[in-house]
Amino acid sequence: MNKEPTINEFLLLASPILKDPRFRELKRYPHHGHISIRRHVLNVAYLCYKHGLNKKNISLNELIRAALLHDYYLYDWHDRTSHNGIHGFNHPLIALINAKRDFSLTRKECRIILSHMWPLTFLHFPTSKEAWILCYYDKVATCIDNHKCHLNKKNIKKQKVAKK
């Protein structure tokens, strides 16, 4: 029998990271449009939780932890002076370095974080079910974030036109 996803179970699994003051800093940094990195990784982690809940041979704890930390790069990627190189290619490694510094990670969690931008970072191929799930739902959540941003911009333009 399949278990139904609950926000309480998700929060129980996620709470050690969610309560950490360093993780809370993510709300300061924009991800896509008006969505903060913190909101984005929470969305991704919850989607991963819902997908992985009733799957066999899935480490739900490692999946959620990696999902929460996959964009733990701690800078505004829109500001080109805040980081070196091309953000899309470099941020998985930066997020991993920061996550390893601030949290105790398993080898699997490290590999999941490092491969989440595949196929852009083609050398870091997802090697577990959890990595594939995160890779997929990160892209789904990014599309949702961008769609919300686009709708918000359209609504702002409509309001400006209506005021004229």
N, C-alpha and C. Protein backbone atom coordinates (compact mmCIF):
# COMPACT_ATOMS: atom_id res chain seq x y z
N MET A 1 0.83 -1.18 0.00
CA MET A 1 0.00 0.00 0.00
C MET A 1 0.88 1.26 0.00
N ASN A 2 0.54 2.20 -0.85
CA ASN A 2 1.33 3.42 -0.97
C ASN A 2 1.06 4.38 0.18
N LYS A 3 2.14 4.98 0.66
CA LYS A 3 2.04 6.02 1.67
C LYS A 3 1.71 7.34 0.99
N GLU A 4 0.87 8.12 1.62
CA GLU A 4 0.56 9.46 1.11
C GLU A 4 1.62 10.44 1.63
N PRO A 5 2.09 11.32 0.77
CA PRO A 5 3.06 12.30 1.25
C PRO A 5 2.42 13.27 2.23
N THR A 6 3.14 13.61 3.27
CA THR A 6 2.64 14.60 4.24
C THR A 6 3.71 15.65 4.46
N ILE A 7 3.26 16.87 4.66
CA ILE A 7 4.20 17.96 4.91
C ILE A 7 4.93 17.73 6.22
N ASN A 8 4.25 17.13 7.20
CA ASN A 8 4.89 16.87 8.50
C ASN A 8 6.05 15.89 8.38
N GLU A 9 5.87 14.83 7.60
CA GLU A 9 6.96 13.87 7.41
C GLU A 9 8.12 14.53 6.66
N PHE A 10 7.79 15.30 5.63
CA PHE A 10 8.83 16.01 4.89
C PHE A 10 9.62 16.93 5.82
N LEU A 11 8.91 17.72 6.62
CA LEU A 11 9.58 18.66 7.53
C LEU A 11 10.42 17.93 8.58
N LEU A 12 9.97 16.77 9.01
CA LEU A 12 10.74 15.99 9.97
C LEU A 12 12.08 15.56 9.36
N LEU A 13 12.03 15.10 8.10
CA LEU A 13 13.26 14.69 7.42
C LEU A 13 14.17 15.89 7.10
N ALA A 14 13.56 17.01 6.77
CA ALA A 14 14.31 18.19 6.33
C ALA A 14 14.77 19.08 7.48
N SER A 15 14.16 18.95 8.64
CA SER A 15 14.36 19.93 9.71
C SER A 15 15.81 20.13 10.17
N PRO A 16 16.66 19.11 10.22
CA PRO A 16 18.04 19.40 10.65
C PRO A 16 18.75 20.44 9.77
N ILE A 17 18.46 20.42 8.49
CA ILE A 17 19.06 21.41 7.59
C ILE A 17 18.26 22.72 7.64
N LEU A 18 16.94 22.62 7.65
CA LEU A 18 16.10 23.82 7.66
C LEU A 18 16.36 24.70 8.87
N LYS A 19 16.67 24.09 9.99
CA LYS A 19 16.90 24.85 11.23
C LYS A 19 18.28 25.50 11.28
N ASP A 20 19.17 25.10 10.42
CA ASP A 20 20.54 25.62 10.46
C ASP A 20 20.57 27.08 10.00
N PRO A 21 21.17 27.98 10.80
CA PRO A 21 21.19 29.40 10.42
C PRO A 21 21.93 29.67 9.11
N ARG A 22 22.93 28.85 8.78
CA ARG A 22 23.65 29.05 7.51
C ARG A 22 22.74 28.74 6.33
N PHE A 23 21.89 27.71 6.47
CA PHE A 23 20.94 27.38 5.40
C PHE A 23 19.93 28.51 5.22
N ARG A 24 19.52 29.11 6.32
CA ARG A 24 18.53 30.20 6.25
C ARG A 24 19.03 31.39 5.45
N GLU A 25 20.36 31.52 5.32
CA GLU A 25 20.93 32.61 4.53
C GLU A 25 20.49 32.55 3.07
N LEU A 26 20.09 31.38 2.60
CA LEU A 26 19.70 31.23 1.20
C LEU A 26 18.52 32.11 0.82
N LYS A 27 17.73 32.52 1.79
CA LYS A 27 16.58 33.37 1.45
C LYS A 27 17.03 34.77 1.03
N ARG A 28 18.27 35.13 1.30
CA ARG A 28 18.82 36.43 0.89
C ARG A 28 19.15 36.49 -0.59
N TYR A 29 19.32 35.34 -1.21
CA TYR A 29 19.83 35.30 -2.59
C TYR A 29 18.73 34.94 -3.58
N PRO A 30 18.59 35.73 -4.65
CA PRO A 30 17.58 35.40 -5.67
C PRO A 30 18.04 34.21 -6.51
N HIS A 31 17.08 33.41 -6.91
CA HIS A 31 17.38 32.28 -7.78
C HIS A 31 16.88 32.59 -9.18
N HIS A 32 15.59 32.52 -9.38
CA HIS A 32 14.97 32.88 -10.66
C HIS A 32 13.86 33.88 -10.37
N GLY A 33 13.96 35.06 -10.96
CA GLY A 33 12.93 36.07 -10.75
C GLY A 33 12.82 36.44 -9.29
N HIS A 34 11.63 36.37 -8.75
CA HIS A 34 11.39 36.75 -7.35
C HIS A 34 11.53 35.57 -6.39
N ILE A 35 11.92 34.41 -6.89
CA ILE A 35 12.07 33.20 -6.08
C ILE A 35 13.47 33.19 -5.46
N SER A 36 13.55 33.02 -4.14
CA SER A 36 14.86 32.92 -3.49
C SER A 36 15.42 31.51 -3.68
N ILE A 37 16.71 31.38 -3.45
CA ILE A 37 17.32 30.05 -3.52
C ILE A 37 16.67 29.15 -2.48
N ARG A 38 16.41 29.68 -1.30
CA ARG A 38 15.77 28.87 -0.24
C ARG A 38 14.42 28.32 -0.70
N ARG A 39 13.58 29.18 -1.29
CA ARG A 39 12.27 28.74 -1.77
C ARG A 39 12.45 27.69 -2.87
N HIS A 40 13.38 27.93 -3.78
CA HIS A 40 13.61 26.99 -4.88
C HIS A 40 14.02 25.62 -4.35
N VAL A 41 15.00 25.57 -3.45
CA VAL A 41 15.46 24.26 -2.98
C VAL A 41 14.40 23.56 -2.14
N LEU A 42 13.57 24.33 -1.42
CA LEU A 42 12.45 23.72 -0.70
C LEU A 42 11.45 23.10 -1.67
N ASN A 43 11.15 23.82 -2.75
CA ASN A 43 10.24 23.28 -3.77
C ASN A 43 10.81 22.00 -4.38
N VAL A 44 12.09 22.04 -4.73
CA VAL A 44 12.74 20.87 -5.32
C VAL A 44 12.72 19.69 -4.34
N ALA A 45 13.08 19.96 -3.09
CA ALA A 45 13.14 18.89 -2.09
C ALA A 45 11.76 18.27 -1.87
N TYR A 46 10.72 19.08 -1.85
CA TYR A 46 9.38 18.53 -1.63
C TYR A 46 8.92 17.70 -2.84
N LEU A 47 9.22 18.18 -4.04
CA LEU A 47 8.90 17.38 -5.24
C LEU A 47 9.65 16.05 -5.21
N CYS A 48 10.92 16.07 -4.83
CA CYS A 48 11.71 14.84 -4.73
C CYS A 48 11.14 13.91 -3.67
N TYR A 49 10.74 14.48 -2.54
CA TYR A 49 10.13 13.69 -1.46
C TYR A 49 8.87 12.98 -1.97
N LYS A 50 7.99 13.73 -2.62
CA LYS A 50 6.74 13.15 -3.11
C LYS A 50 7.01 12.03 -4.12
N HIS A 51 8.00 12.23 -4.98
CA HIS A 51 8.33 11.22 -5.99
C HIS A 51 8.98 9.99 -5.36
N GLY A 52 9.89 10.21 -4.43
CA GLY A 52 10.67 9.11 -3.87
C GLY A 52 10.00 8.34 -2.76
N LEU A 53 8.91 8.87 -2.23
CA LEU A 53 8.27 8.30 -1.05
C LEU A 53 7.93 6.82 -1.19
N ASN A 54 7.39 6.42 -2.29
CA ASN A 54 6.94 5.03 -2.47
C ASN A 54 7.79 4.24 -3.45
N LYS A 55 8.98 4.75 -3.73
CA LYS A 55 9.89 4.04 -4.63
C LYS A 55 10.78 3.09 -3.84
N LYS A 56 11.06 1.95 -4.43
CA LYS A 56 11.95 0.99 -3.78
C LYS A 56 13.40 1.42 -3.94
N ASN A 57 14.19 1.06 -2.96
CA ASN A 57 15.63 1.30 -2.97
C ASN A 57 16.00 2.78 -3.15
N ILE A 58 15.23 3.65 -2.53
CA ILE A 58 15.52 5.08 -2.53
C ILE A 58 15.84 5.49 -1.10
N SER A 59 16.94 6.18 -0.93
CA SER A 59 17.24 6.76 0.37
C SER A 59 16.59 8.14 0.42
N LEU A 60 15.40 8.19 0.99
CA LEU A 60 14.64 9.43 1.04
C LEU A 60 15.40 10.51 1.82
N ASN A 61 16.05 10.12 2.88
CA ASN A 61 16.81 11.08 3.68
C ASN A 61 17.94 11.71 2.86
N GLU A 62 18.72 10.89 2.17
CA GLU A 62 19.83 11.43 1.36
C GLU A 62 19.29 12.27 0.19
N LEU A 63 18.18 11.84 -0.39
CA LEU A 63 17.59 12.58 -1.50
C LEU A 63 17.14 13.97 -1.04
N ILE A 64 16.46 14.05 0.08
CA ILE A 64 15.97 15.34 0.58
C ILE A 64 17.14 16.23 1.00
N ARG A 65 18.11 15.68 1.70
CA ARG A 65 19.27 16.48 2.12
C ARG A 65 20.02 17.04 0.90
N ALA A 66 20.25 16.21 -0.09
CA ALA A 66 20.95 16.67 -1.30
C ALA A 66 20.12 17.72 -2.04
N ALA A 67 18.81 17.51 -2.08
CA ALA A 67 17.94 18.48 -2.75
C ALA A 67 17.99 19.84 -2.05
N LEU A 68 18.02 19.82 -0.73
CA LEU A 68 18.08 21.08 0.02
C LEU A 68 19.42 21.79 -0.16
N LEU A 69 20.47 21.04 -0.43
CA LEU A 69 21.81 21.63 -0.50
C LEU A 69 22.35 21.76 -1.93
N HIS A 70 21.59 21.37 -2.94
CA HIS A 70 22.14 21.34 -4.30
C HIS A 70 22.50 22.72 -4.84
N ASP A 71 21.88 23.78 -4.34
CA ASP A 71 22.22 25.15 -4.75
C ASP A 71 22.76 25.97 -3.58
N TYR A 72 23.52 25.34 -2.73
CA TYR A 72 24.07 25.97 -1.53
C TYR A 72 25.37 26.71 -1.86
N TYR A 73 25.30 27.59 -2.86
CA TYR A 73 26.51 28.30 -3.28
C TYR A 73 26.68 29.65 -2.60
N LEU A 74 25.64 30.18 -1.95
CA LEU A 74 25.74 31.34 -1.07
C LEU A 74 26.22 32.63 -1.73
N TYR A 75 25.72 32.91 -2.92
CA TYR A 75 25.97 34.20 -3.56
C TYR A 75 24.84 34.49 -4.54
N ASP A 76 24.77 35.72 -4.99
CA ASP A 76 23.78 36.12 -5.99
C ASP A 76 24.40 35.88 -7.36
N TRP A 77 23.96 34.85 -8.05
CA TRP A 77 24.59 34.49 -9.31
C TRP A 77 24.33 35.53 -10.40
N HIS A 78 23.39 36.43 -10.20
CA HIS A 78 23.14 37.49 -11.17
C HIS A 78 24.24 38.55 -11.14
N ASP A 79 24.93 38.64 -10.01
CA ASP A 79 26.05 39.58 -9.85
C ASP A 79 27.34 38.87 -10.27
N ARG A 80 27.82 39.20 -11.45
CA ARG A 80 28.99 38.49 -12.00
C ARG A 80 30.26 38.69 -11.19
N THR A 81 30.29 39.71 -10.34
CA THR A 81 31.48 39.92 -9.51
C THR A 81 31.47 39.05 -8.25
N SER A 82 30.37 38.34 -8.00
CA SER A 82 30.27 37.54 -6.77
C SER A 82 30.85 36.14 -6.92
N HIS A 83 31.24 35.77 -8.14
CA HIS A 83 31.77 34.42 -8.36
C HIS A 83 32.65 34.42 -9.61
N ASN A 84 33.45 33.37 -9.71
CA ASN A 84 34.33 33.20 -10.88
C ASN A 84 33.70 32.22 -11.86
N GLY A 85 33.99 32.41 -13.12
CA GLY A 85 33.56 31.47 -14.14
C GLY A 85 32.09 31.58 -14.48
N ILE A 86 31.61 30.57 -15.19
CA ILE A 86 30.22 30.52 -15.62
C ILE A 86 29.41 29.78 -14.57
N HIS A 87 28.46 30.47 -13.98
CA HIS A 87 27.71 29.96 -12.84
C HIS A 87 27.10 28.57 -13.12
N GLY A 88 26.45 28.39 -14.24
CA GLY A 88 25.78 27.12 -14.54
C GLY A 88 26.72 25.93 -14.47
N PHE A 89 27.95 26.12 -14.90
CA PHE A 89 28.94 25.04 -14.89
C PHE A 89 29.60 24.86 -13.52
N ASN A 90 29.81 25.97 -12.80
CA ASN A 90 30.61 25.93 -11.59
C ASN A 90 29.84 25.75 -10.29
N HIS A 91 28.57 26.14 -10.26
CA HIS A 91 27.90 26.18 -8.96
C HIS A 91 27.68 24.83 -8.30
N PRO A 92 27.56 23.71 -9.03
CA PRO A 92 27.43 22.43 -8.30
C PRO A 92 28.64 22.14 -7.41
N LEU A 93 29.84 22.41 -7.91
CA LEU A 93 31.05 22.19 -7.11
C LEU A 93 31.12 23.17 -5.94
N ILE A 94 30.78 24.44 -6.19
CA ILE A 94 30.79 25.43 -5.12
C ILE A 94 29.77 25.06 -4.04
N ALA A 95 28.57 24.65 -4.47
CA ALA A 95 27.54 24.22 -3.51
C ALA A 95 28.03 23.02 -2.70
N LEU A 96 28.69 22.09 -3.35
CA LEU A 96 29.21 20.91 -2.65
C LEU A 96 30.29 21.30 -1.64
N ILE A 97 31.20 22.16 -2.03
CA ILE A 97 32.26 22.60 -1.11
C ILE A 97 31.64 23.27 0.12
N ASN A 98 30.69 24.16 -0.11
CA ASN A 98 30.03 24.84 1.02
C ASN A 98 29.25 23.85 1.89
N ALA A 99 28.54 22.93 1.25
CA ALA A 99 27.75 21.95 2.01
C ALA A 99 28.64 21.04 2.84
N LYS A 100 29.77 20.62 2.28
CA LYS A 100 30.70 19.77 3.03
C LYS A 100 31.32 20.53 4.21
N ARG A 101 31.54 21.82 4.03
CA ARG A 101 32.09 22.64 5.10
C ARG A 101 31.09 22.77 6.26
N ASP A 102 29.80 22.92 5.93
CA ASP A 102 28.80 23.24 6.94
C ASP A 102 27.97 22.07 7.44
N PHE A 103 27.98 20.95 6.72
CA PHE A 103 27.17 19.79 7.08
C PHE A 103 27.98 18.51 6.90
N SER A 104 27.57 17.48 7.57
CA SER A 104 28.19 16.17 7.39
C SER A 104 27.43 15.45 6.27
N LEU A 105 28.10 15.17 5.17
CA LEU A 105 27.45 14.57 4.00
C LEU A 105 27.96 13.16 3.75
N THR A 106 27.08 12.33 3.21
CA THR A 106 27.50 11.00 2.76
C THR A 106 28.12 11.13 1.37
N ARG A 107 28.82 10.10 0.95
CA ARG A 107 29.40 10.11 -0.41
C ARG A 107 28.30 10.22 -1.46
N LYS A 108 27.18 9.54 -1.22
CA LYS A 108 26.07 9.59 -2.17
C LYS A 108 25.50 11.00 -2.26
N GLU A 109 25.33 11.68 -1.13
CA GLU A 109 24.82 13.06 -1.15
C GLU A 109 25.76 13.96 -1.94
N CYS A 110 27.06 13.78 -1.76
CA CYS A 110 28.04 14.56 -2.53
C CYS A 110 27.88 14.33 -4.02
N ARG A 111 27.74 13.09 -4.43
CA ARG A 111 27.59 12.78 -5.87
C ARG A 111 26.27 13.33 -6.41
N ILE A 112 25.22 13.29 -5.60
CA ILE A 112 23.92 13.82 -6.04
C ILE A 112 24.03 15.33 -6.29
N ILE A 113 24.61 16.04 -5.34
CA ILE A 113 24.76 17.50 -5.48
C ILE A 113 25.61 17.84 -6.70
N LEU A 114 26.72 17.14 -6.87
CA LEU A 114 27.64 17.43 -7.96
C LEU A 114 27.03 17.17 -9.34
N SER A 115 26.11 16.23 -9.43
CA SER A 115 25.55 15.86 -10.75
C SER A 115 24.21 16.52 -11.06
N HIS A 116 23.73 17.40 -10.22
CA HIS A 116 22.36 17.89 -10.42
C HIS A 116 22.19 18.76 -11.67
N MET A 117 23.25 19.26 -12.24
CA MET A 117 23.13 20.10 -13.45
C MET A 117 23.37 19.32 -14.74
N TRP A 118 23.47 18.00 -14.65
CA TRP A 118 23.62 17.20 -15.85
C TRP A 118 22.40 17.42 -16.74
N PRO A 119 22.53 17.55 -18.05
CA PRO A 119 23.69 17.30 -18.90
C PRO A 119 24.60 18.52 -19.11
N LEU A 120 24.26 19.68 -18.54
CA LEU A 120 25.14 20.84 -18.71
C LEU A 120 26.55 20.53 -18.21
N THR A 121 26.63 19.93 -17.04
CA THR A 121 27.93 19.53 -16.49
C THR A 121 28.13 18.05 -16.84
N PHE A 122 28.37 17.79 -18.10
CA PHE A 122 28.32 16.43 -18.64
C PHE A 122 29.33 15.46 -18.02
N LEU A 123 30.38 15.95 -17.39
CA LEU A 123 31.35 15.06 -16.76
C LEU A 123 30.83 14.47 -15.44
N HIS A 124 29.82 15.09 -14.87
CA HIS A 124 29.25 14.63 -13.60
C HIS A 124 27.89 13.99 -13.86
N PHE A 125 27.93 12.77 -14.32
CA PHE A 125 26.75 12.01 -14.70
C PHE A 125 26.04 11.50 -13.44
N PRO A 126 24.71 11.61 -13.36
CA PRO A 126 23.99 11.06 -12.21
C PRO A 126 24.19 9.54 -12.13
N THR A 127 24.58 9.05 -10.95
CA THR A 127 24.92 7.63 -10.81
C THR A 127 24.00 6.88 -9.85
N SER A 128 22.94 7.51 -9.39
CA SER A 128 21.99 6.84 -8.50
C SER A 128 20.58 7.27 -8.86
N LYS A 129 19.61 6.51 -8.38
CA LYS A 129 18.21 6.90 -8.59
C LYS A 129 17.94 8.27 -7.99
N GLU A 130 18.50 8.49 -6.80
CA GLU A 130 18.31 9.77 -6.13
C GLU A 130 18.85 10.93 -6.96
N ALA A 131 20.00 10.72 -7.57
CA ALA A 131 20.61 11.77 -8.40
C ALA A 131 19.74 12.08 -9.62
N TRP A 132 19.19 11.05 -10.24
CA TRP A 132 18.30 11.26 -11.38
C TRP A 132 17.03 12.00 -10.97
N ILE A 133 16.49 11.64 -9.82
CA ILE A 133 15.27 12.30 -9.33
C ILE A 133 15.54 13.78 -9.09
N LEU A 134 16.64 14.10 -8.41
CA LEU A 134 16.98 15.51 -8.16
C LEU A 134 17.24 16.25 -9.46
N CYS A 135 17.97 15.65 -10.34
CA CYS A 135 18.29 16.28 -11.64
C CYS A 135 16.99 16.66 -12.36
N TYR A 136 16.04 15.75 -12.37
CA TYR A 136 14.76 15.98 -13.04
C TYR A 136 13.95 17.08 -12.35
N TYR A 137 13.74 16.94 -11.04
CA TYR A 137 12.87 17.88 -10.34
C TYR A 137 13.49 19.27 -10.18
N ASP A 138 14.81 19.38 -10.22
CA ASP A 138 15.43 20.70 -10.23
C ASP A 138 15.01 21.43 -11.51
N LYS A 139 14.99 20.73 -12.61
CA LYS A 139 14.60 21.35 -13.88
C LYS A 139 13.11 21.68 -13.89
N VAL A 140 12.28 20.79 -13.34
CA VAL A 140 10.85 21.04 -13.25
C VAL A 140 10.60 22.30 -12.41
N ALA A 141 11.21 22.37 -11.23
CA ALA A 141 11.00 23.52 -10.35
C ALA A 141 11.52 24.81 -10.99
N THR A 142 12.62 24.73 -11.71
CA THR A 142 13.17 25.92 -12.39
C THR A 142 12.18 26.41 -13.45
N CYS A 143 11.58 25.49 -14.19
CA CYS A 143 10.56 25.88 -15.18
C CYS A 143 9.37 26.55 -14.50
N ILE A 144 8.94 26.01 -13.38
CA ILE A 144 7.83 26.60 -12.62
C ILE A 144 8.22 27.99 -12.12
N ASP A 145 9.43 28.11 -11.56
CA ASP A 145 9.91 29.41 -11.09
C ASP A 145 9.89 30.44 -12.22
N ASN A 146 10.44 30.06 -13.36
CA ASN A 146 10.52 30.98 -14.49
C ASN A 146 9.14 31.34 -15.03
N HIS A 147 8.23 30.38 -15.03
CA HIS A 147 6.86 30.64 -15.48
C HIS A 147 6.18 31.64 -14.55
N LYS A 148 6.35 31.45 -13.23
CA LYS A 148 5.77 32.39 -12.26
C LYS A 148 6.36 33.78 -12.46
N CYS A 149 7.65 33.85 -12.71
CA CYS A 149 8.32 35.13 -12.94
C CYS A 149 7.75 35.80 -14.18
N HIS A 150 7.57 35.03 -15.25
CA HIS A 150 7.03 35.55 -16.50
C HIS A 150 5.60 36.07 -16.28
N LEU A 151 4.77 35.29 -15.57
CA LEU A 151 3.39 35.72 -15.30
C LEU A 151 3.37 36.99 -14.46
N ASN A 152 4.27 37.07 -13.49
CA ASN A 152 4.35 38.24 -12.64
C ASN A 152 4.71 39.48 -13.46
N LYS A 153 5.66 39.34 -14.39
CA LYS A 153 6.05 40.46 -15.25
C LYS A 153 4.87 40.90 -16.13
N LYS A 154 4.12 39.92 -16.66
CA LYS A 154 2.96 40.26 -17.49
C LYS A 154 1.90 41.00 -16.68
N ASN A 155 1.67 40.57 -15.44
CA ASN A 155 0.69 41.23 -14.58
C ASN A 155 1.11 42.65 -14.24
N ILE A 156 2.40 42.86 -14.00
CA ILE A 156 2.90 44.20 -13.71
C ILE A 156 2.69 45.12 -14.92
N LYS A 157 2.98 44.60 -16.12
CA LYS A 157 2.77 45.40 -17.33
C LYS A 157 1.30 45.74 -17.50
N LYS A 158 0.39 44.77 -17.25
CA LYS A 158 -1.05 45.03 -17.36
C LYS A 158 -1.48 46.10 -16.38
N GLN A 159 -0.94 46.06 -15.16
CA GLN A 159 -1.30 47.06 -14.15
C GLN A 159 -0.83 48.44 -14.56
N LYS A 160 0.36 48.54 -15.16
CA LYS A 160 0.88 49.82 -15.60
C LYS A 160 0.00 50.39 -16.72
N VAL A 161 -0.41 49.54 -17.65
CA VAL A 161 -1.25 49.96 -18.76
C VAL A 161 -2.62 50.41 -18.24
N ALA A 162 -3.15 49.68 -17.26
CA ALA A 162 -4.47 50.02 -16.70
C ALA A 162 -4.44 51.36 -15.97
N LYS A 163 -3.30 51.72 -15.40
CA LYS A 163 -3.19 52.99 -14.67
C LYS A 163 -3.11 54.20 -15.59
N LYS A 164 -2.70 53.98 -16.84
CA LYS A 164 -2.54 55.11 -17.79
C LYS A 164 -3.86 55.67 -18.26
